C-alpha atoms as a PDB file:
ATOM      1  CA  UNK A   1     -21.239  95.633-152.570  1.00  0.00           C
ATOM      2  CA  UNK A   2     -24.919  95.653-152.174  1.00  0.00           C
ATOM      3  CA  UNK A   3     -26.842  98.705-152.912  1.00  0.00           C
ATOM      4  CA  UNK A   4     -30.051  99.059-150.952  1.00  0.00           C
ATOM      5  CA  UNK A   5     -32.904 100.975-152.326  1.00  0.00           C
ATOM      6  CA  UNK A   6     -33.627 104.039-149.843  1.00  0.00           C
ATOM      7  CA  UNK A   7     -37.492 103.860-149.455  1.00  0.00           C
ATOM      8  CA  UNK A   8     -38.578 107.445-149.200  1.00  0.00           C
ATOM      9  CA  UNK A   9     -41.445 108.712-147.343  1.00  0.00           C
ATOM     10  CA  UNK A  10     -44.387 110.124-149.177  1.00  0.00           C
ATOM     11  CA  UNK A  11     -44.107 113.948-149.190  1.00  0.00           C
ATOM     12  CA  UNK A  12     -47.753 114.742-148.724  1.00  0.00           C
ATOM     13  CA  UNK A  13     -48.936 111.871-146.196  1.00  0.00           C
ATOM     14  CA  UNK A  14     -52.668 111.018-145.401  1.00  0.00           C
ATOM     15  CA  UNK A  15     -52.173 112.605-142.084  1.00  0.00           C
ATOM     16  CA  UNK A  16     -50.624 115.997-143.289  1.00  0.00           C
ATOM     17  CA  UNK A  17     -52.314 118.868-141.540  1.00  0.00           C
ATOM     18  CA  UNK A  18     -52.403 120.647-144.972  1.00  0.00           C
ATOM     19  CA  UNK A  19     -54.152 117.697-146.731  1.00  0.00           C
ATOM     20  CA  UNK A  20     -56.581 117.376-143.879  1.00  0.00           C
ATOM     21  CA  UNK A  21     -57.228 121.080-143.870  1.00  0.00           C
ATOM     22  CA  UNK A  22     -57.875 121.274-147.637  1.00  0.00           C
ATOM     23  CA  UNK A  23     -60.286 118.035-147.214  1.00  0.00           C
ATOM     24  CA  UNK A  24     -62.266 120.564-145.140  1.00  0.00           C
ATOM     25  CA  UNK A  25     -63.033 122.987-147.933  1.00  0.00           C
ATOM     26  CA  UNK A  26     -61.876 121.743-151.316  1.00  0.00           C
ATOM     27  CA  UNK A  27     -65.217 120.442-152.463  1.00  0.00           C
ATOM     28  CA  UNK A  28     -67.352 122.191-155.042  1.00  0.00           C
ATOM     29  CA  UNK A  29     -69.707 124.101-152.361  1.00  0.00           C
ATOM     30  CA  UNK A  30     -67.808 124.530-149.066  1.00  0.00           C
ATOM     31  CA  UNK A  31     -65.948 127.669-150.160  1.00  0.00           C
ATOM     32  CA  UNK A  32     -69.213 129.229-151.672  1.00  0.00           C
ATOM     33  CA  UNK A  33     -70.987 128.593-148.461  1.00  0.00           C
ATOM     34  CA  UNK A  34     -68.198 130.349-146.478  1.00  0.00           C
ATOM     35  CA  UNK A  35     -68.123 133.157-148.784  1.00  0.00           C
ATOM     36  CA  UNK A  36     -71.837 133.482-148.661  1.00  0.00           C
ATOM     37  CA  UNK A  37     -71.627 133.791-144.879  1.00  0.00           C
ATOM     38  CA  UNK A  38     -68.557 135.982-144.781  1.00  0.00           C
ATOM     39  CA  UNK A  39     -70.157 139.183-143.452  1.00  0.00           C
ATOM     40  CA  UNK A  40     -73.430 138.327-141.877  1.00  0.00           C
ATOM     41  CA  UNK A  41     -75.793 135.725-140.452  1.00  0.00           C
ATOM     42  CA  UNK A  42     -78.083 134.264-142.883  1.00  0.00           C
ATOM     43  CA  UNK A  43     -81.152 132.071-142.967  1.00  0.00           C
ATOM     44  CA  UNK A  44     -81.226 128.714-145.209  1.00  0.00           C
ATOM     45  CA  UNK A  45     -83.294 130.282-147.885  1.00  0.00           C
ATOM     46  CA  UNK A  46     -80.846 133.176-148.197  1.00  0.00           C
ATOM     47  CA  UNK A  47     -77.798 131.271-148.623  1.00  0.00           C
ATOM     48  CA  UNK A  48     -79.624 128.958-150.959  1.00  0.00           C
ATOM     49  CA  UNK A  49     -80.660 131.972-152.957  1.00  0.00           C
ATOM     50  CA  UNK A  50     -77.259 133.438-152.812  1.00  0.00           C
ATOM     51  CA  UNK A  51     -75.552 130.321-154.269  1.00  0.00           C
ATOM     52  CA  UNK A  52     -77.066 129.664-157.828  1.00  0.00           C
ATOM     53  CA  UNK A  53     -77.043 125.815-158.733  1.00  0.00           C
ATOM     54  CA  UNK A  54     -76.790 124.253-155.207  1.00  0.00           C
ATOM     55  CA  UNK A  55     -79.235 121.924-154.332  1.00  0.00           C
ATOM     56  CA  UNK A  56     -81.168 122.005-150.939  1.00  0.00           C
ATOM     57  CA  UNK A  57     -79.714 118.805-150.005  1.00  0.00           C
ATOM     58  CA  UNK A  58     -76.232 119.596-150.771  1.00  0.00           C
ATOM     59  CA  UNK A  59     -76.716 122.935-149.044  1.00  0.00           C
ATOM     60  CA  UNK A  60     -77.813 120.901-145.918  1.00  0.00           C
ATOM     61  CA  UNK A  61     -75.152 118.479-146.079  1.00  0.00           C
ATOM     62  CA  UNK A  62     -72.410 121.251-146.442  1.00  0.00           C
ATOM     63  CA  UNK A  63     -73.947 123.161-143.601  1.00  0.00           C
ATOM     64  CA  UNK A  64     -73.845 120.300-141.525  1.00  0.00           C
ATOM     65  CA  UNK A  65     -70.321 119.489-142.440  1.00  0.00           C
ATOM     66  CA  UNK A  66     -69.323 123.095-141.605  1.00  0.00           C
ATOM     67  CA  UNK A  67     -71.045 123.016-138.375  1.00  0.00           C
ATOM     68  CA  UNK A  68     -69.597 119.611-137.359  1.00  0.00           C
ATOM     69  CA  UNK A  69     -66.010 121.226-138.090  1.00  0.00           C
ATOM     70  CA  UNK A  70     -66.555 124.281-135.834  1.00  0.00           C
ATOM     71  CA  UNK A  71     -66.425 126.463-138.946  1.00  0.00           C
ATOM     72  CA  UNK A  72     -70.407 127.456-138.948  1.00  0.00           C
ATOM     73  CA  UNK A  73     -72.729 128.243-135.917  1.00  0.00           C
ATOM     74  CA  UNK A  74     -76.283 127.059-136.174  1.00  0.00           C
ATOM     75  CA  UNK A  75     -79.025 128.781-134.331  1.00  0.00           C
ATOM     76  CA  UNK A  76     -82.472 127.521-134.010  1.00  0.00           C
ATOM     77  CA  UNK A  77     -85.056 129.857-132.639  1.00  0.00           C
ATOM     78  CA  UNK A  78     -88.194 128.222-130.940  1.00  0.00           C
ATOM     79  CA  UNK A  79     -90.670 129.790-133.149  1.00  0.00           C
ATOM     80  CA  UNK A  80     -93.677 128.472-135.161  1.00  0.00           C
ATOM     81  CA  UNK A  81     -92.317 127.985-138.071  1.00  0.00           C
ATOM     82  CA  UNK A  82     -88.909 127.134-136.795  1.00  0.00           C
ATOM     83  CA  UNK A  83     -86.409 129.588-137.643  1.00  0.00           C
ATOM     84  CA  UNK A  84     -82.689 128.553-138.202  1.00  0.00           C
ATOM     85  CA  UNK A  85     -79.858 131.156-138.725  1.00  0.00           C
ATOM     86  CA  UNK A  86     -76.349 130.300-139.784  1.00  0.00           C
ATOM     87  CA  UNK A  87     -73.132 132.284-139.285  1.00  0.00           C
ATOM     88  CA  UNK A  88     -69.299 131.784-139.255  1.00  0.00           C
ATOM     89  CA  UNK A  89     -67.537 131.003-136.071  1.00  0.00           C
ATOM     90  CA  UNK A  90     -64.250 132.800-135.203  1.00  0.00           C
ATOM     91  CA  UNK A  91     -62.585 129.849-136.511  1.00  0.00           C
ATOM     92  CA  UNK A  92     -64.724 129.665-139.831  1.00  0.00           C
ATOM     93  CA  UNK A  93     -63.820 133.626-140.192  1.00  0.00           C
ATOM     94  CA  UNK A  94     -60.170 132.609-140.499  1.00  0.00           C
ATOM     95  CA  UNK A  95     -60.992 131.222-143.821  1.00  0.00           C
ATOM     96  CA  UNK A  96     -62.175 134.306-145.382  1.00  0.00           C
ATOM     97  CA  UNK A  97     -58.647 135.745-146.176  1.00  0.00           C
ATOM     98  CA  UNK A  98     -57.056 132.464-148.123  1.00  0.00           C
ATOM     99  CA  UNK A  99     -60.432 132.104-149.727  1.00  0.00           C
ATOM    100  CA  UNK A 100     -60.543 135.601-151.025  1.00  0.00           C
ATOM    101  CA  UNK A 101     -57.041 135.258-152.199  1.00  0.00           C
ATOM    102  CA  UNK A 102     -58.028 132.262-154.156  1.00  0.00           C
ATOM    103  CA  UNK A 103     -61.165 134.507-155.408  1.00  0.00           C
ATOM    104  CA  UNK A 104     -58.752 137.229-156.642  1.00  0.00           C
ATOM    105  CA  UNK A 105     -56.475 134.774-158.266  1.00  0.00           C
ATOM    106  CA  UNK A 106     -59.624 133.351-160.092  1.00  0.00           C
ATOM    107  CA  UNK A 107     -60.860 136.741-161.042  1.00  0.00           C
ATOM    108  CA  UNK A 108     -57.168 137.474-162.495  1.00  0.00           C
ATOM    109  CA  UNK A 109     -56.209 134.203-164.261  1.00  0.00           C
ATOM    110  CA  UNK A 110     -59.511 131.992-165.078  1.00  0.00           C
ATOM    111  CA  UNK A 111     -59.896 133.133-168.340  1.00  0.00           C
ATOM    112  CA  UNK A 112     -56.391 132.295-169.160  1.00  0.00           C
ATOM    113  CA  UNK A 113     -56.802 128.832-167.632  1.00  0.00           C
ATOM    114  CA  UNK A 114     -59.953 128.237-169.708  1.00  0.00           C
ATOM    115  CA  UNK A 115     -58.103 129.125-172.887  1.00  0.00           C
ATOM    116  CA  UNK A 116     -55.492 127.044-172.214  1.00  0.00           C
ATOM    117  CA  UNK A 117     -57.678 124.031-171.522  1.00  0.00           C
ATOM    118  CA  UNK A 118     -59.459 124.751-174.645  1.00  0.00           C
ATOM    119  CA  UNK A 119     -56.190 124.796-176.683  1.00  0.00           C
ATOM    120  CA  UNK A 120     -55.241 121.620-175.130  1.00  0.00           C
ATOM    121  CA  UNK A 121     -58.533 119.932-175.875  1.00  0.00           C
ATOM    122  CA  UNK A 122     -58.477 121.163-179.226  1.00  0.00           C
ATOM    123  CA  UNK A 123     -54.817 119.911-179.904  1.00  0.00           C
ATOM    124  CA  UNK A 124     -55.516 116.537-178.523  1.00  0.00           C
ATOM    125  CA  UNK A 125     -58.958 116.207-180.545  1.00  0.00           C
ATOM    126  CA  UNK A 126     -57.105 117.407-183.723  1.00  0.00           C
ATOM    127  CA  UNK A 127     -54.226 114.823-183.347  1.00  0.00           C
ATOM    128  CA  UNK A 128     -56.849 111.886-182.428  1.00  0.00           C
ATOM    129  CA  UNK A 129     -58.910 113.017-185.601  1.00  0.00           C
ATOM    130  CA  UNK A 130     -55.694 112.970-187.769  1.00  0.00           C
ATOM    131  CA  UNK A 131     -54.713 109.444-186.521  1.00  0.00           C
ATOM    132  CA  UNK A 132     -58.137 108.099-187.117  1.00  0.00           C
ATOM    133  CA  UNK A 133     -58.213 109.487-190.698  1.00  0.00           C
ATOM    134  CA  UNK A 134     -54.678 108.259-191.429  1.00  0.00           C
ATOM    135  CA  UNK A 135     -55.767 104.683-190.296  1.00  0.00           C
ATOM    136  CA  UNK A 136     -58.941 104.830-192.341  1.00  0.00           C
ATOM    137  CA  UNK A 137     -57.156 105.625-195.059  1.00  0.00           C
ATOM    138  CA  UNK A 138     -54.315 103.059-194.785  1.00  0.00           C
ATOM    139  CA  UNK A 139     -57.189 100.527-194.547  1.00  0.00           C
ATOM    140  CA  UNK A 140     -58.553 101.773-197.715  1.00  0.00           C
ATOM    141  CA  UNK A 141     -55.523 101.279-199.560  1.00  0.00           C
ATOM    142  CA  UNK A 142     -54.707  97.886-198.051  1.00  0.00           C
ATOM    143  CA  UNK A 143     -58.266  96.432-198.948  1.00  0.00           C
ATOM    144  CA  UNK A 144     -58.090  98.026-202.651  1.00  0.00           C
END
């Protein structure tokens, strides 16, 4: 009797809708821009001031991506100097609730996550340090 290995399809394929959806918003800045625009139309400088740490170049790239994906509307007013405003589209507003749920989760659990990370990092570093000390001591005994 010949047994054939069954080849299973990947559970999360590259063309999976969930994966494709997460790729739209799962970078460092996209969700923050959506939150900054959640209730109002804003100019570039207002968004930039609202999100500490984002560079103008990164904000520009993020806004362009959101506009390209139909999540943000960009309006250019023909005045001098030019005035540009950004707002969420109806499609972009559909992301507010799930992003807000993640925000609420973060508010409730991020300190616990950070503590677990610190505990993990401390254990790993201590274990490595102990191993190094043991090796150095063993080498010292061998060369004596």
